[in-house]
N, C-alpha and C. Protein backbone atom coordinates (compact mmCIF):
# COMPACT_ATOMS: atom_id res chain seq x y z
N MET A 1 0.84 -1.18 0.00
CA MET A 1 0.00 0.00 0.00
C MET A 1 0.89 1.25 0.00
N ALA A 2 0.59 2.18 -0.87
CA ALA A 2 1.37 3.42 -0.96
C ALA A 2 1.09 4.30 0.25
N SER A 3 2.08 5.08 0.62
CA SER A 3 1.89 6.00 1.74
C SER A 3 0.97 7.13 1.32
N ILE A 4 0.36 7.77 2.31
CA ILE A 4 -0.54 8.89 2.02
C ILE A 4 0.22 10.03 1.33
N ALA A 5 1.49 10.23 1.68
CA ALA A 5 2.28 11.31 1.08
C ALA A 5 2.52 11.08 -0.40
N SER A 6 2.55 9.83 -0.84
CA SER A 6 2.85 9.55 -2.24
C SER A 6 1.63 9.63 -3.15
N GLN A 7 0.45 9.87 -2.59
CA GLN A 7 -0.75 9.93 -3.43
C GLN A 7 -0.89 11.25 -4.18
N TRP A 8 -0.07 12.24 -3.84
CA TRP A 8 -0.12 13.54 -4.51
C TRP A 8 1.18 13.80 -5.25
N PRO A 9 1.11 14.56 -6.35
CA PRO A 9 2.34 14.88 -7.08
C PRO A 9 3.18 15.90 -6.32
N HIS A 10 4.47 15.65 -6.29
CA HIS A 10 5.42 16.55 -5.64
C HIS A 10 6.24 17.23 -6.72
N ALA A 11 6.59 18.49 -6.48
CA ALA A 11 7.36 19.25 -7.46
C ALA A 11 8.36 20.14 -6.73
N PHE A 12 9.30 20.69 -7.49
CA PHE A 12 10.29 21.63 -6.96
C PHE A 12 10.32 22.85 -7.86
N MET A 13 10.41 24.02 -7.23
CA MET A 13 10.50 25.28 -7.96
C MET A 13 11.78 25.99 -7.53
N PRO A 14 12.64 26.35 -8.48
CA PRO A 14 13.84 27.11 -8.11
C PRO A 14 13.49 28.59 -7.92
N THR A 15 14.06 29.20 -6.89
CA THR A 15 13.89 30.64 -6.69
C THR A 15 15.01 31.38 -7.43
N ALA A 16 14.90 32.69 -7.45
CA ALA A 16 15.94 33.51 -8.10
C ALA A 16 17.29 33.34 -7.42
N GLU A 17 17.28 33.00 -6.12
CA GLU A 17 18.53 32.81 -5.37
C GLU A 17 19.08 31.39 -5.49
N GLY A 18 18.39 30.54 -6.25
CA GLY A 18 18.85 29.17 -6.43
C GLY A 18 18.36 28.20 -5.37
N ILE A 19 17.42 28.62 -4.56
CA ILE A 19 16.84 27.75 -3.53
C ILE A 19 15.76 26.89 -4.20
N GLN A 20 15.72 25.62 -3.85
CA GLN A 20 14.70 24.71 -4.37
C GLN A 20 13.57 24.61 -3.36
N LEU A 21 12.37 24.99 -3.78
CA LEU A 21 11.20 24.88 -2.92
C LEU A 21 10.40 23.65 -3.31
N HIS A 22 10.17 22.78 -2.34
CA HIS A 22 9.34 21.60 -2.55
C HIS A 22 7.89 21.98 -2.29
N TYR A 23 6.98 21.44 -3.11
CA TYR A 23 5.56 21.69 -2.88
C TYR A 23 4.71 20.59 -3.49
N VAL A 24 3.48 20.51 -3.01
CA VAL A 24 2.45 19.64 -3.56
C VAL A 24 1.44 20.56 -4.22
N ASP A 25 0.98 20.20 -5.40
CA ASP A 25 0.04 21.03 -6.17
C ASP A 25 -1.01 20.11 -6.75
N VAL A 26 -2.23 20.14 -6.20
CA VAL A 26 -3.29 19.23 -6.62
C VAL A 26 -4.58 20.00 -6.89
N GLY A 27 -5.49 19.34 -7.54
CA GLY A 27 -6.79 19.93 -7.84
C GLY A 27 -6.83 20.49 -9.25
N PRO A 28 -8.01 20.89 -9.68
CA PRO A 28 -8.17 21.43 -11.04
C PRO A 28 -7.34 22.69 -11.24
N ARG A 29 -6.61 22.77 -12.33
CA ARG A 29 -5.74 23.92 -12.61
C ARG A 29 -6.52 25.21 -12.82
N ASP A 30 -7.77 25.09 -13.24
CA ASP A 30 -8.57 26.29 -13.48
C ASP A 30 -9.42 26.68 -12.27
N ALA A 31 -9.26 25.98 -11.16
CA ALA A 31 -10.02 26.28 -9.94
C ALA A 31 -9.34 27.38 -9.14
N LEU A 32 -10.08 27.97 -8.23
CA LEU A 32 -9.55 28.98 -7.32
C LEU A 32 -8.40 28.36 -6.51
N PRO A 33 -7.22 28.99 -6.50
CA PRO A 33 -6.09 28.42 -5.75
C PRO A 33 -6.17 28.75 -4.26
N ILE A 34 -5.74 27.80 -3.46
CA ILE A 34 -5.59 27.97 -2.02
C ILE A 34 -4.16 27.55 -1.69
N VAL A 35 -3.43 28.41 -1.00
CA VAL A 35 -2.07 28.08 -0.56
C VAL A 35 -2.13 27.81 0.94
N LEU A 36 -1.77 26.60 1.33
CA LEU A 36 -1.74 26.22 2.74
C LEU A 36 -0.30 26.31 3.21
N VAL A 37 -0.05 27.15 4.22
CA VAL A 37 1.31 27.41 4.69
C VAL A 37 1.47 26.86 6.10
N HIS A 38 2.45 25.98 6.27
CA HIS A 38 2.68 25.37 7.58
C HIS A 38 3.34 26.36 8.54
N GLY A 39 3.25 26.04 9.81
CA GLY A 39 3.91 26.83 10.85
C GLY A 39 5.25 26.22 11.22
N TRP A 40 5.76 26.61 12.38
CA TRP A 40 7.05 26.11 12.84
C TRP A 40 6.84 25.28 14.09
N PRO A 41 7.43 24.14 14.19
CA PRO A 41 8.10 23.37 13.15
C PRO A 41 7.10 22.41 12.53
N ASP A 42 6.96 22.45 11.26
CA ASP A 42 6.02 21.57 10.57
C ASP A 42 6.44 21.44 9.11
N LEU A 43 5.67 20.71 8.35
CA LEU A 43 5.92 20.46 6.93
C LEU A 43 4.60 20.54 6.19
N TRP A 44 4.65 20.43 4.88
CA TRP A 44 3.43 20.39 4.08
C TRP A 44 2.50 19.29 4.55
N PHE A 45 3.07 18.20 5.03
CA PHE A 45 2.31 17.01 5.41
C PHE A 45 1.30 17.28 6.52
N GLY A 46 1.53 18.32 7.30
CA GLY A 46 0.58 18.69 8.36
C GLY A 46 -0.79 19.08 7.81
N TRP A 47 -0.87 19.39 6.53
CA TRP A 47 -2.12 19.78 5.88
C TRP A 47 -2.79 18.63 5.15
N ARG A 48 -2.32 17.39 5.30
CA ARG A 48 -2.80 16.28 4.49
C ARG A 48 -4.32 16.08 4.54
N HIS A 49 -4.93 16.26 5.70
CA HIS A 49 -6.38 16.06 5.80
C HIS A 49 -7.14 17.17 5.06
N GLN A 50 -6.64 18.39 5.16
CA GLN A 50 -7.27 19.50 4.45
C GLN A 50 -7.10 19.35 2.93
N ILE A 51 -5.93 18.85 2.50
CA ILE A 51 -5.72 18.61 1.07
C ILE A 51 -6.80 17.66 0.55
N GLN A 52 -7.02 16.58 1.27
CA GLN A 52 -8.02 15.60 0.84
C GLN A 52 -9.40 16.23 0.73
N ALA A 53 -9.73 17.10 1.68
CA ALA A 53 -11.06 17.71 1.69
C ALA A 53 -11.23 18.78 0.61
N LEU A 54 -10.17 19.48 0.25
CA LEU A 54 -10.26 20.63 -0.66
C LEU A 54 -9.97 20.33 -2.12
N GLN A 55 -9.23 19.26 -2.41
CA GLN A 55 -8.68 19.06 -3.75
C GLN A 55 -9.71 18.86 -4.85
N SER A 56 -10.91 18.48 -4.55
CA SER A 56 -11.90 18.30 -5.62
C SER A 56 -12.48 19.63 -6.11
N SER A 57 -12.44 20.66 -5.27
CA SER A 57 -13.05 21.95 -5.64
C SER A 57 -12.06 23.08 -5.84
N TYR A 58 -10.84 22.93 -5.34
CA TYR A 58 -9.85 24.00 -5.38
C TYR A 58 -8.52 23.47 -5.90
N ARG A 59 -7.71 24.38 -6.41
CA ARG A 59 -6.31 24.06 -6.67
C ARG A 59 -5.60 24.29 -5.34
N VAL A 60 -5.03 23.26 -4.78
CA VAL A 60 -4.42 23.32 -3.46
C VAL A 60 -2.90 23.24 -3.62
N ILE A 61 -2.21 24.29 -3.18
CA ILE A 61 -0.76 24.38 -3.27
C ILE A 61 -0.21 24.39 -1.85
N VAL A 62 0.66 23.43 -1.56
CA VAL A 62 1.13 23.27 -0.19
C VAL A 62 2.66 23.12 -0.19
N PRO A 63 3.38 24.20 0.12
CA PRO A 63 4.84 24.15 0.09
C PRO A 63 5.46 23.73 1.42
N ASP A 64 6.70 23.26 1.31
CA ASP A 64 7.62 23.23 2.46
C ASP A 64 8.36 24.56 2.38
N LEU A 65 8.26 25.39 3.39
CA LEU A 65 8.96 26.67 3.38
C LEU A 65 10.47 26.44 3.39
N ARG A 66 11.21 27.49 3.08
CA ARG A 66 12.69 27.43 3.12
C ARG A 66 13.15 26.83 4.45
N GLY A 67 14.05 25.87 4.35
CA GLY A 67 14.62 25.27 5.55
C GLY A 67 13.80 24.14 6.15
N PHE A 68 12.68 23.80 5.53
CA PHE A 68 11.82 22.75 6.05
C PHE A 68 11.65 21.64 5.02
N GLY A 69 11.43 20.43 5.52
CA GLY A 69 11.11 19.31 4.65
C GLY A 69 12.12 19.11 3.53
N GLN A 70 11.61 19.03 2.31
CA GLN A 70 12.45 18.77 1.15
C GLN A 70 12.93 20.03 0.45
N SER A 71 12.58 21.21 0.99
CA SER A 71 13.08 22.46 0.42
C SER A 71 14.52 22.70 0.86
N SER A 72 15.23 23.52 0.09
CA SER A 72 16.62 23.86 0.42
C SER A 72 16.71 24.58 1.76
N THR A 73 17.88 24.46 2.38
CA THR A 73 18.15 25.12 3.65
C THR A 73 19.27 26.12 3.46
N PRO A 74 18.94 27.39 3.20
CA PRO A 74 19.98 28.40 3.03
C PRO A 74 20.78 28.59 4.32
N GLN A 75 22.07 28.86 4.19
CA GLN A 75 22.94 29.07 5.35
C GLN A 75 22.79 30.49 5.91
N ASN A 76 22.50 31.45 5.04
CA ASN A 76 22.40 32.85 5.43
C ASN A 76 21.05 33.11 6.11
N VAL A 77 21.07 33.58 7.35
CA VAL A 77 19.84 33.81 8.10
C VAL A 77 18.92 34.83 7.42
N GLU A 78 19.49 35.78 6.68
CA GLU A 78 18.68 36.78 5.99
C GLU A 78 17.79 36.15 4.92
N ALA A 79 18.17 34.98 4.44
CA ALA A 79 17.38 34.30 3.41
C ALA A 79 15.99 33.90 3.91
N TYR A 80 15.81 33.89 5.23
CA TYR A 80 14.54 33.48 5.82
C TYR A 80 13.63 34.65 6.16
N GLY A 81 13.97 35.84 5.72
CA GLY A 81 13.17 37.03 6.01
C GLY A 81 11.78 36.95 5.39
N ALA A 82 10.88 37.74 5.95
CA ALA A 82 9.48 37.72 5.50
C ALA A 82 9.34 38.05 4.02
N LYS A 83 10.13 38.99 3.52
CA LYS A 83 10.03 39.36 2.11
C LYS A 83 10.39 38.17 1.21
N ASN A 84 11.45 37.46 1.54
CA ASN A 84 11.85 36.30 0.74
C ASN A 84 10.79 35.20 0.78
N VAL A 85 10.26 34.95 1.97
CA VAL A 85 9.26 33.89 2.11
C VAL A 85 7.98 34.26 1.35
N THR A 86 7.53 35.51 1.46
CA THR A 86 6.32 35.90 0.73
C THR A 86 6.56 35.91 -0.77
N ASN A 87 7.76 36.27 -1.21
CA ASN A 87 8.08 36.18 -2.64
C ASN A 87 8.01 34.74 -3.12
N ASP A 88 8.49 33.81 -2.30
CA ASP A 88 8.41 32.39 -2.64
C ASP A 88 6.96 31.97 -2.83
N LEU A 89 6.11 32.35 -1.89
CA LEU A 89 4.70 31.96 -1.95
C LEU A 89 4.01 32.57 -3.17
N ALA A 90 4.29 33.82 -3.45
CA ALA A 90 3.70 34.47 -4.63
C ALA A 90 4.14 33.78 -5.92
N ALA A 91 5.39 33.36 -5.97
CA ALA A 91 5.91 32.70 -7.17
C ALA A 91 5.23 31.35 -7.42
N LEU A 92 4.78 30.70 -6.37
CA LEU A 92 4.08 29.43 -6.53
C LEU A 92 2.74 29.59 -7.24
N LEU A 93 2.18 30.78 -7.15
CA LEU A 93 0.89 31.04 -7.81
C LEU A 93 1.10 31.31 -9.29
């Protein structure tokens, strides 16, 4: 039996700084997008039940933020600033 995490497609998006962001992107591409953002310390997987509930009606995008899960972990602390993180989220849309 496949794990629950493997039932959704996983992808990576490179940022302008060369950071690889891991995310899950499911649901109809022409549907209203919803971005589910995890807290600290957590991963995209914390949203698994909501993904199941929302994916038939919405495009659900669920990233691992910088430094979490399968996303890159920048060494420079400034890379984790709010502007960089919000730019990452906007780029996913």
